[in-house]
């Protein structure tokens, strides 16, 4: 099996991307961050309602070669580690699939679908403004309750905003307010 970590494929907008988009299209503010920008679809959507938007991704080649949704203010980094800005609104289409091994950085979340999302949370929390909102998607195939508990341990107040049943899983959208 080929290790997709080394590939330069962008994660195309999929069910989880559109699920997030449908639930954030009315969000407005000054500063927004899309962690794991990939194709740029959600970053571009945020640009319609926020004054300043940044997209980050761990895969530099994907950011350099966005195909359909070219966006500005892209930074190649792990989570939001390279940023020193406070954002009103942060979104992340987490790599949430529970996997024993990280084969695809766009989708694999590690043990229980928690290992990689935890690292993203640790990174994002320092960039969330007071009263800021962090919105993320996860799955019934991962230990999403453990993820919610971790967000609350960090001091975020969480709530499940929406669920979407798919053939093989249920997508769960959560917002966490600082």
N, C-alpha and C. Protein backbone atom coordinates (compact mmCIF):
# COMPACT_ATOMS: atom_id res chain seq x y z
N UNK A 1 0.85 -1.19 0.00
CA UNK A 1 0.00 0.00 0.00
C UNK A 1 0.89 1.24 0.00
N UNK A 2 0.56 2.20 -0.83
CA UNK A 2 1.34 3.42 -0.94
C UNK A 2 1.01 4.37 0.20
N UNK A 3 2.01 4.98 0.76
CA UNK A 3 1.83 5.93 1.84
C UNK A 3 1.48 7.29 1.24
N UNK A 4 0.24 7.74 1.41
CA UNK A 4 -0.21 9.00 0.83
C UNK A 4 0.41 10.21 1.50
N UNK A 5 1.07 10.03 2.66
CA UNK A 5 1.71 11.15 3.32
C UNK A 5 2.70 11.82 2.39
N UNK A 6 3.31 11.04 1.52
CA UNK A 6 4.31 11.56 0.61
C UNK A 6 3.72 12.08 -0.70
N UNK A 7 2.45 11.82 -0.95
CA UNK A 7 1.82 12.27 -2.19
C UNK A 7 1.43 13.74 -2.09
N UNK A 8 1.20 14.33 -3.21
CA UNK A 8 0.86 15.75 -3.24
C UNK A 8 -0.57 16.00 -3.70
N UNK A 9 -1.43 15.03 -3.46
CA UNK A 9 -2.83 15.18 -3.84
C UNK A 9 -3.55 16.09 -2.86
N UNK A 10 -4.33 17.01 -3.38
CA UNK A 10 -5.15 17.81 -2.49
C UNK A 10 -6.41 17.03 -2.16
N UNK A 11 -6.91 17.25 -0.95
CA UNK A 11 -8.15 16.61 -0.53
C UNK A 11 -9.29 17.37 -1.21
N UNK A 12 -10.00 16.72 -2.13
CA UNK A 12 -11.06 17.44 -2.84
C UNK A 12 -12.26 17.69 -1.93
N UNK A 13 -13.00 18.78 -2.18
CA UNK A 13 -14.20 19.00 -1.38
C UNK A 13 -15.10 17.77 -1.45
N UNK A 14 -15.51 17.29 -0.28
CA UNK A 14 -16.30 16.06 -0.17
C UNK A 14 -17.47 16.30 0.76
N UNK A 15 -18.17 15.23 1.11
CA UNK A 15 -19.36 15.35 1.99
C UNK A 15 -19.07 16.13 3.25
N UNK A 16 -17.93 15.85 3.90
CA UNK A 16 -17.62 16.55 5.14
C UNK A 16 -17.34 18.03 4.90
N UNK A 17 -16.71 18.35 3.79
CA UNK A 17 -16.44 19.75 3.43
C UNK A 17 -17.75 20.51 3.24
N UNK A 18 -18.67 19.93 2.47
CA UNK A 18 -19.95 20.59 2.21
C UNK A 18 -20.81 20.66 3.46
N UNK A 19 -20.68 19.68 4.34
CA UNK A 19 -21.39 19.68 5.62
C UNK A 19 -20.95 20.88 6.46
N UNK A 20 -19.64 21.11 6.53
CA UNK A 20 -19.14 22.28 7.25
C UNK A 20 -19.64 23.55 6.57
N UNK A 21 -19.49 23.62 5.26
CA UNK A 21 -19.86 24.82 4.51
C UNK A 21 -21.31 25.21 4.75
N UNK A 22 -22.20 24.24 4.72
CA UNK A 22 -23.62 24.52 4.92
C UNK A 22 -23.92 25.06 6.31
N UNK A 23 -23.06 24.76 7.26
CA UNK A 23 -23.30 25.18 8.64
C UNK A 23 -22.52 26.41 9.06
N UNK A 24 -21.66 26.93 8.20
CA UNK A 24 -20.90 28.13 8.56
C UNK A 24 -21.12 29.29 7.59
N UNK A 25 -21.95 29.09 6.59
CA UNK A 25 -22.08 30.11 5.54
C UNK A 25 -22.59 31.46 6.05
N UNK A 26 -23.22 31.50 7.22
CA UNK A 26 -23.72 32.77 7.76
C UNK A 26 -22.82 33.35 8.85
N UNK A 27 -21.71 32.70 9.12
CA UNK A 27 -20.76 33.23 10.11
C UNK A 27 -20.09 34.47 9.54
N UNK A 28 -19.88 35.48 10.39
CA UNK A 28 -19.26 36.72 9.97
C UNK A 28 -18.31 37.20 11.06
N UNK A 29 -17.32 37.98 10.66
CA UNK A 29 -16.40 38.53 11.65
C UNK A 29 -15.21 39.19 10.99
N UNK A 30 -14.16 39.37 11.81
CA UNK A 30 -12.97 40.04 11.32
C UNK A 30 -11.89 39.06 10.86
N UNK A 31 -11.50 38.13 11.74
CA UNK A 31 -10.38 37.25 11.46
C UNK A 31 -10.82 35.79 11.50
N UNK A 32 -10.53 35.06 10.41
CA UNK A 32 -10.90 33.64 10.33
C UNK A 32 -9.70 32.82 9.88
N UNK A 33 -9.65 31.58 10.37
CA UNK A 33 -8.58 30.66 10.05
C UNK A 33 -9.17 29.33 9.63
N UNK A 34 -8.65 28.79 8.52
CA UNK A 34 -9.02 27.45 8.05
C UNK A 34 -7.78 26.57 8.19
N UNK A 35 -7.78 25.71 9.21
CA UNK A 35 -6.66 24.78 9.41
C UNK A 35 -6.89 23.56 8.53
N UNK A 36 -5.91 23.25 7.71
CA UNK A 36 -6.04 22.15 6.76
C UNK A 36 -6.78 22.60 5.52
N UNK A 37 -6.39 23.74 5.01
CA UNK A 37 -7.08 24.39 3.90
C UNK A 37 -7.21 23.52 2.65
N UNK A 38 -6.19 22.73 2.36
CA UNK A 38 -6.24 21.83 1.20
C UNK A 38 -6.62 22.52 -0.08
N UNK A 39 -7.76 22.16 -0.63
CA UNK A 39 -8.22 22.71 -1.91
C UNK A 39 -8.53 24.20 -1.85
N UNK A 40 -8.78 24.73 -0.66
CA UNK A 40 -9.12 26.14 -0.51
C UNK A 40 -10.61 26.42 -0.52
N UNK A 41 -11.43 25.38 -0.64
CA UNK A 41 -12.88 25.57 -0.75
C UNK A 41 -13.44 26.32 0.47
N UNK A 42 -13.12 25.86 1.67
CA UNK A 42 -13.65 26.51 2.87
C UNK A 42 -12.97 27.86 3.13
N UNK A 43 -11.70 27.97 2.78
CA UNK A 43 -10.98 29.24 2.94
C UNK A 43 -11.65 30.31 2.08
N UNK A 44 -11.98 29.94 0.86
CA UNK A 44 -12.65 30.87 -0.05
C UNK A 44 -14.03 31.26 0.49
N UNK A 45 -14.76 30.30 1.01
CA UNK A 45 -16.07 30.58 1.59
C UNK A 45 -15.96 31.58 2.74
N UNK A 46 -14.97 31.40 3.60
CA UNK A 46 -14.77 32.32 4.72
C UNK A 46 -14.43 33.73 4.22
N UNK A 47 -13.75 33.82 3.10
CA UNK A 47 -13.34 35.12 2.56
C UNK A 47 -14.52 36.01 2.20
N UNK A 48 -15.68 35.40 1.99
CA UNK A 48 -16.88 36.18 1.67
C UNK A 48 -17.42 36.94 2.88
N UNK A 49 -17.15 36.45 4.10
CA UNK A 49 -17.78 37.03 5.29
C UNK A 49 -16.82 37.52 6.36
N UNK A 50 -15.52 37.39 6.12
CA UNK A 50 -14.53 37.84 7.10
C UNK A 50 -13.56 38.81 6.42
N UNK A 51 -13.07 39.79 7.18
CA UNK A 51 -12.16 40.79 6.63
C UNK A 51 -10.80 40.21 6.28
N UNK A 52 -10.30 39.30 7.12
CA UNK A 52 -8.98 38.73 6.91
C UNK A 52 -9.06 37.23 7.17
N UNK A 53 -8.64 36.43 6.19
CA UNK A 53 -8.73 34.97 6.28
C UNK A 53 -7.37 34.37 5.96
N UNK A 54 -6.98 33.39 6.77
CA UNK A 54 -5.74 32.65 6.56
C UNK A 54 -6.08 31.17 6.43
N UNK A 55 -5.41 30.51 5.52
CA UNK A 55 -5.52 29.06 5.38
C UNK A 55 -4.17 28.43 5.64
N UNK A 56 -4.14 27.36 6.43
CA UNK A 56 -2.89 26.63 6.66
C UNK A 56 -3.05 25.20 6.20
N UNK A 57 -1.94 24.59 5.86
CA UNK A 57 -1.94 23.17 5.53
C UNK A 57 -0.53 22.64 5.74
N UNK A 58 -0.43 21.40 6.13
CA UNK A 58 0.87 20.77 6.36
C UNK A 58 1.54 20.40 5.03
N UNK A 59 0.77 20.33 3.96
CA UNK A 59 1.28 19.94 2.66
C UNK A 59 1.51 21.20 1.80
N UNK A 60 2.75 21.64 1.75
CA UNK A 60 3.10 22.88 1.02
C UNK A 60 2.78 22.79 -0.46
N UNK A 61 3.02 21.64 -1.07
CA UNK A 61 2.77 21.49 -2.49
C UNK A 61 1.29 21.67 -2.82
N UNK A 62 0.42 21.18 -1.98
CA UNK A 62 -1.02 21.34 -2.19
C UNK A 62 -1.39 22.82 -2.16
N UNK A 63 -0.83 23.57 -1.22
CA UNK A 63 -1.12 25.00 -1.15
C UNK A 63 -0.62 25.73 -2.39
N UNK A 64 0.54 25.34 -2.89
CA UNK A 64 1.11 26.00 -4.07
C UNK A 64 0.33 25.70 -5.34
N UNK A 65 -0.36 24.57 -5.35
CA UNK A 65 -1.03 24.14 -6.58
C UNK A 65 -2.53 23.93 -6.41
N UNK A 66 -3.16 24.76 -5.58
CA UNK A 66 -4.62 24.65 -5.45
C UNK A 66 -5.23 24.76 -6.85
N UNK A 67 -6.16 23.88 -7.14
CA UNK A 67 -6.70 23.84 -8.50
C UNK A 67 -7.93 24.72 -8.68
N UNK A 68 -9.00 24.42 -8.02
CA UNK A 68 -10.26 25.10 -8.28
C UNK A 68 -10.53 26.32 -7.41
N UNK A 69 -9.97 26.36 -6.22
CA UNK A 69 -10.33 27.40 -5.26
C UNK A 69 -9.09 28.14 -4.77
N UNK A 70 -8.39 28.79 -5.67
CA UNK A 70 -7.16 29.49 -5.31
C UNK A 70 -7.49 30.61 -4.32
N UNK A 71 -6.75 30.61 -3.22
CA UNK A 71 -7.01 31.60 -2.17
C UNK A 71 -5.71 32.29 -1.79
N UNK A 72 -5.83 33.38 -1.07
CA UNK A 72 -4.68 34.16 -0.60
C UNK A 72 -4.38 33.80 0.85
N UNK A 73 -3.27 34.33 1.35
CA UNK A 73 -2.89 34.17 2.76
C UNK A 73 -2.78 32.72 3.18
N UNK A 74 -2.01 31.96 2.42
CA UNK A 74 -1.81 30.55 2.71
C UNK A 74 -0.44 30.36 3.36
N UNK A 75 -0.42 29.56 4.43
CA UNK A 75 0.82 29.31 5.16
C UNK A 75 0.98 27.81 5.34
N UNK A 76 2.13 27.31 4.97
CA UNK A 76 2.43 25.90 5.17
C UNK A 76 2.98 25.72 6.57
N UNK A 77 2.24 25.02 7.39
CA UNK A 77 2.68 24.74 8.76
C UNK A 77 1.83 23.62 9.34
N UNK A 78 2.23 23.16 10.48
CA UNK A 78 1.51 22.13 11.21
C UNK A 78 0.42 22.81 12.05
N UNK A 79 -0.85 22.55 11.73
CA UNK A 79 -1.95 23.21 12.45
C UNK A 79 -1.91 24.70 12.21
N UNK A 80 -1.66 25.45 13.30
CA UNK A 80 -1.48 26.90 13.18
C UNK A 80 -0.24 27.33 13.93
N UNK A 81 0.73 26.41 14.04
CA UNK A 81 1.94 26.65 14.83
C UNK A 81 2.72 27.89 14.41
N UNK A 82 2.68 28.27 13.14
CA UNK A 82 3.47 29.39 12.65
C UNK A 82 2.79 30.75 12.85
N UNK A 83 1.57 30.75 13.35
CA UNK A 83 0.80 31.98 13.45
C UNK A 83 0.82 32.59 14.85
N UNK A 84 0.79 33.90 14.90
CA UNK A 84 0.75 34.62 16.17
C UNK A 84 -0.46 35.55 16.22
N UNK A 85 -1.46 35.28 15.42
CA UNK A 85 -2.66 36.11 15.32
C UNK A 85 -3.78 35.45 16.11
N UNK A 86 -4.64 36.25 16.70
CA UNK A 86 -5.84 35.74 17.37
C UNK A 86 -7.00 35.82 16.37
N UNK A 87 -7.71 34.72 16.22
CA UNK A 87 -8.81 34.63 15.27
C UNK A 87 -10.15 34.54 15.99
N UNK A 88 -11.15 35.24 15.43
CA UNK A 88 -12.53 35.16 15.95
C UNK A 88 -13.15 33.80 15.65
N UNK A 89 -12.73 33.23 14.53
CA UNK A 89 -13.38 32.04 14.01
C UNK A 89 -12.33 31.13 13.39
N UNK A 90 -12.30 29.88 13.85
CA UNK A 90 -11.38 28.89 13.31
C UNK A 90 -12.19 27.67 12.89
N UNK A 91 -11.90 27.14 11.70
CA UNK A 91 -12.54 25.91 11.26
C UNK A 91 -11.48 24.88 10.92
N UNK A 92 -11.88 23.62 11.03
CA UNK A 92 -10.98 22.55 10.64
C UNK A 92 -11.78 21.32 10.26
N UNK A 93 -11.53 20.86 9.05
CA UNK A 93 -12.07 19.56 8.62
C UNK A 93 -11.01 18.55 9.06
N UNK A 94 -11.13 18.13 10.30
CA UNK A 94 -10.11 17.30 10.93
C UNK A 94 -9.84 16.01 10.17
N UNK A 95 -8.60 15.53 10.23
CA UNK A 95 -8.33 14.16 9.81
C UNK A 95 -8.81 13.25 10.95
N UNK A 96 -10.03 12.76 10.84
CA UNK A 96 -10.70 12.14 11.99
C UNK A 96 -10.85 10.62 11.94
N UNK A 97 -10.45 9.98 10.87
CA UNK A 97 -10.64 8.54 10.80
C UNK A 97 -9.72 7.81 11.78
N UNK A 98 -10.29 6.88 12.53
CA UNK A 98 -9.52 6.09 13.48
C UNK A 98 -8.65 5.11 12.71
N UNK A 99 -7.33 5.24 12.85
CA UNK A 99 -6.39 4.39 12.12
C UNK A 99 -5.23 3.99 13.02
N UNK A 100 -4.72 2.79 12.78
CA UNK A 100 -3.56 2.34 13.54
C UNK A 100 -2.28 3.01 13.05
N UNK A 101 -2.30 3.44 11.80
CA UNK A 101 -1.13 4.04 11.18
C UNK A 101 -1.58 5.22 10.34
N UNK A 102 -0.80 6.29 10.32
CA UNK A 102 -1.13 7.47 9.51
C UNK A 102 -0.64 7.22 8.09
N UNK A 103 -1.57 6.87 7.21
CA UNK A 103 -1.24 6.62 5.81
C UNK A 103 -1.63 7.82 4.93
N UNK A 104 -2.62 8.57 5.35
CA UNK A 104 -3.11 9.71 4.58
C UNK A 104 -3.32 10.86 5.55
N UNK A 105 -2.47 11.89 5.47
CA UNK A 105 -2.53 12.99 6.42
C UNK A 105 -3.81 13.81 6.32
N UNK A 106 -4.52 13.68 5.21
CA UNK A 106 -5.76 14.43 5.03
C UNK A 106 -6.94 13.79 5.76
N UNK A 107 -6.86 12.49 6.04
CA UNK A 107 -8.03 11.81 6.62
C UNK A 107 -7.74 11.00 7.88
N UNK A 108 -6.52 10.52 8.06
CA UNK A 108 -6.22 9.61 9.17
C UNK A 108 -5.93 10.38 10.45
N UNK A 109 -6.69 10.06 11.50
CA UNK A 109 -6.56 10.76 12.78
C UNK A 109 -5.75 10.02 13.82
N UNK A 110 -5.26 8.83 13.49
CA UNK A 110 -4.51 8.06 14.47
C UNK A 110 -5.44 7.26 15.36
N UNK A 111 -4.88 6.75 16.44
CA UNK A 111 -5.63 5.90 17.36
C UNK A 111 -6.93 6.58 17.80
N UNK A 112 -8.02 5.92 17.60
CA UNK A 112 -9.38 6.40 17.95
C UNK A 112 -9.78 7.67 17.21
N UNK A 113 -9.02 8.07 16.19
CA UNK A 113 -9.31 9.32 15.50
C UNK A 113 -9.03 10.52 16.39
N UNK A 114 -8.13 10.36 17.34
CA UNK A 114 -7.88 11.38 18.37
C UNK A 114 -6.47 11.96 18.32
N UNK A 115 -5.49 11.17 17.96
CA UNK A 115 -4.09 11.56 18.04
C UNK A 115 -3.79 12.83 17.24
N UNK A 116 -4.13 12.86 15.97
CA UNK A 116 -3.84 14.02 15.13
C UNK A 116 -4.77 15.20 15.48
N UNK A 117 -6.09 14.99 15.65
CA UNK A 117 -6.93 16.10 16.08
C UNK A 117 -6.45 16.76 17.38
N UNK A 118 -5.94 15.98 18.32
CA UNK A 118 -5.42 16.54 19.58
C UNK A 118 -4.28 17.52 19.28
N UNK A 119 -3.39 17.15 18.37
CA UNK A 119 -2.28 18.03 18.01
C UNK A 119 -2.80 19.32 17.37
N UNK A 120 -3.83 19.20 16.56
CA UNK A 120 -4.42 20.39 15.93
C UNK A 120 -5.07 21.28 16.98
N UNK A 121 -5.77 20.69 17.93
CA UNK A 121 -6.37 21.46 19.02
C UNK A 121 -5.30 22.21 19.82
N UNK A 122 -4.22 21.51 20.15
CA UNK A 122 -3.14 22.12 20.92
C UNK A 122 -2.55 23.31 20.18
N UNK A 123 -2.49 23.22 18.88
CA UNK A 123 -1.98 24.30 18.06
C UNK A 123 -2.98 25.45 17.97
N UNK A 124 -4.23 25.13 17.71
CA UNK A 124 -5.26 26.15 17.46
C UNK A 124 -5.63 26.96 18.69
N UNK A 125 -5.57 26.36 19.86
CA UNK A 125 -6.04 27.04 21.07
C UNK A 125 -5.29 28.35 21.32
N UNK A 126 -4.03 28.41 20.96
CA UNK A 126 -3.26 29.64 21.18
C UNK A 126 -3.63 30.74 20.19
N UNK A 127 -4.34 30.38 19.12
CA UNK A 127 -4.74 31.37 18.12
C UNK A 127 -6.21 31.77 18.20
N UNK A 128 -6.92 31.24 19.18
CA UNK A 128 -8.35 31.54 19.32
C UNK A 128 -8.53 32.74 20.24
N UNK A 129 -9.20 33.76 19.72
CA UNK A 129 -9.46 34.97 20.50
C UNK A 129 -10.45 34.68 21.63
N UNK A 130 -10.45 35.52 22.63
CA UNK A 130 -11.45 35.42 23.69
C UNK A 130 -12.83 35.52 23.05
N UNK A 131 -13.72 34.63 23.43
CA UNK A 131 -15.06 34.50 22.85
C UNK A 131 -15.04 34.03 21.39
N UNK A 132 -13.88 33.58 20.93
CA UNK A 132 -13.77 33.04 19.58
C UNK A 132 -14.39 31.66 19.49
N UNK A 133 -14.68 31.25 18.27
CA UNK A 133 -15.33 29.96 18.03
C UNK A 133 -14.45 29.09 17.15
N UNK A 134 -14.32 27.82 17.56
CA UNK A 134 -13.57 26.82 16.81
C UNK A 134 -14.58 25.76 16.38
N UNK A 135 -14.77 25.63 15.07
CA UNK A 135 -15.74 24.68 14.52
C UNK A 135 -14.97 23.56 13.82
N UNK A 136 -15.34 22.32 14.14
CA UNK A 136 -14.66 21.19 13.53
C UNK A 136 -15.65 20.06 13.28
N UNK A 137 -15.28 19.22 12.32
CA UNK A 137 -16.10 18.07 11.98
C UNK A 137 -15.36 16.81 12.40
N UNK A 138 -16.12 15.84 12.87
CA UNK A 138 -15.58 14.54 13.23
C UNK A 138 -16.59 13.48 12.79
N UNK A 139 -16.39 12.26 13.22
CA UNK A 139 -17.19 11.16 12.70
C UNK A 139 -17.56 10.18 13.81
N UNK A 140 -18.65 9.49 13.58
CA UNK A 140 -19.06 8.42 14.49
C UNK A 140 -18.08 7.25 14.45
N UNK A 141 -17.23 7.20 13.44
CA UNK A 141 -16.23 6.14 13.34
C UNK A 141 -15.01 6.40 14.22
N UNK A 142 -14.94 7.59 14.79
CA UNK A 142 -13.85 7.92 15.69
C UNK A 142 -14.41 8.08 17.11
N UNK A 143 -13.52 8.26 18.06
CA UNK A 143 -13.96 8.48 19.43
C UNK A 143 -14.20 9.98 19.61
N UNK A 144 -15.30 10.46 19.03
CA UNK A 144 -15.56 11.90 19.05
C UNK A 144 -15.85 12.41 20.46
N UNK A 145 -16.35 11.56 21.33
CA UNK A 145 -16.61 11.98 22.71
C UNK A 145 -15.30 12.32 23.42
N UNK A 146 -14.26 11.55 23.15
CA UNK A 146 -12.95 11.83 23.73
C UNK A 146 -12.42 13.17 23.23
N UNK A 147 -12.70 13.48 21.98
CA UNK A 147 -12.30 14.75 21.40
C UNK A 147 -13.04 15.92 22.06
N UNK A 148 -14.33 15.74 22.28
CA UNK A 148 -15.13 16.77 22.95
C UNK A 148 -14.60 16.98 24.37
N UNK A 149 -14.33 15.91 25.08
CA UNK A 149 -13.82 16.01 26.44
C UNK A 149 -12.47 16.72 26.47
N UNK A 150 -11.63 16.46 25.46
CA UNK A 150 -10.33 17.13 25.41
C UNK A 150 -10.52 18.64 25.17
N UNK A 151 -11.42 19.00 24.27
CA UNK A 151 -11.69 20.42 24.02
C UNK A 151 -12.16 21.11 25.31
N UNK A 152 -13.00 20.44 26.06
CA UNK A 152 -13.49 21.01 27.32
C UNK A 152 -12.37 21.10 28.35
N UNK A 153 -11.46 20.13 28.35
CA UNK A 153 -10.30 20.17 29.25
C UNK A 153 -9.43 21.39 28.95
N UNK A 154 -9.38 21.79 27.67
CA UNK A 154 -8.63 22.98 27.27
C UNK A 154 -9.34 24.28 27.65
N UNK A 155 -10.57 24.17 28.15
CA UNK A 155 -11.32 25.35 28.56
C UNK A 155 -12.36 25.81 27.57
N UNK A 156 -12.62 25.02 26.53
CA UNK A 156 -13.63 25.39 25.53
C UNK A 156 -14.99 24.85 25.94
N UNK A 157 -16.00 25.61 25.64
CA UNK A 157 -17.38 25.16 25.86
C UNK A 157 -17.88 24.59 24.54
N UNK A 158 -18.24 23.31 24.54
CA UNK A 158 -18.59 22.64 23.29
C UNK A 158 -20.08 22.35 23.17
N UNK A 159 -20.50 22.22 21.91
CA UNK A 159 -21.86 21.74 21.64
C UNK A 159 -21.88 21.13 20.24
N UNK A 160 -22.68 20.10 20.11
CA UNK A 160 -22.88 19.49 18.79
C UNK A 160 -23.88 20.36 18.05
N UNK A 161 -23.47 20.87 16.91
CA UNK A 161 -24.28 21.79 16.12
C UNK A 161 -25.18 21.04 15.15
N UNK A 162 -24.63 20.00 14.52
CA UNK A 162 -25.38 19.27 13.50
C UNK A 162 -24.79 17.87 13.34
N UNK A 163 -25.63 16.99 12.82
CA UNK A 163 -25.20 15.63 12.47
C UNK A 163 -25.73 15.32 11.08
N UNK A 164 -24.98 14.51 10.36
CA UNK A 164 -25.41 14.11 9.03
C UNK A 164 -25.12 12.63 8.85
N UNK A 165 -26.16 11.86 8.63
CA UNK A 165 -26.02 10.42 8.45
C UNK A 165 -25.62 10.13 7.01
N UNK A 166 -24.52 9.40 6.87
CA UNK A 166 -24.08 8.91 5.57
C UNK A 166 -24.25 7.40 5.58
N UNK A 167 -23.97 6.77 4.49
CA UNK A 167 -24.14 5.34 4.36
C UNK A 167 -23.36 4.57 5.42
N UNK A 168 -22.11 4.95 5.65
CA UNK A 168 -21.22 4.18 6.51
C UNK A 168 -20.83 4.88 7.81
N UNK A 169 -21.25 6.11 8.00
CA UNK A 169 -20.87 6.87 9.20
C UNK A 169 -21.85 8.02 9.41
N UNK A 170 -21.69 8.67 10.54
CA UNK A 170 -22.43 9.89 10.81
C UNK A 170 -21.41 10.99 11.04
N UNK A 171 -21.52 12.08 10.28
CA UNK A 171 -20.66 13.24 10.48
C UNK A 171 -21.21 14.06 11.62
N UNK A 172 -20.33 14.61 12.42
CA UNK A 172 -20.73 15.38 13.60
C UNK A 172 -19.99 16.71 13.56
N UNK A 173 -20.74 17.81 13.56
CA UNK A 173 -20.15 19.14 13.56
C UNK A 173 -20.26 19.71 14.96
N UNK A 174 -19.13 20.17 15.47
CA UNK A 174 -19.05 20.66 16.84
C UNK A 174 -18.48 22.07 16.82
N UNK A 175 -19.08 22.95 17.64
CA UNK A 175 -18.42 24.23 17.84
C UNK A 175 -17.97 24.31 19.29
N UNK A 176 -16.82 24.93 19.44
CA UNK A 176 -16.20 25.07 20.75
C UNK A 176 -15.85 26.55 20.93
N UNK A 177 -16.39 27.15 21.97
CA UNK A 177 -16.20 28.58 22.20
C UNK A 177 -15.22 28.77 23.35
N UNK A 178 -14.32 29.73 23.18
CA UNK A 178 -13.30 30.04 24.17
C UNK A 178 -13.82 30.96 25.23
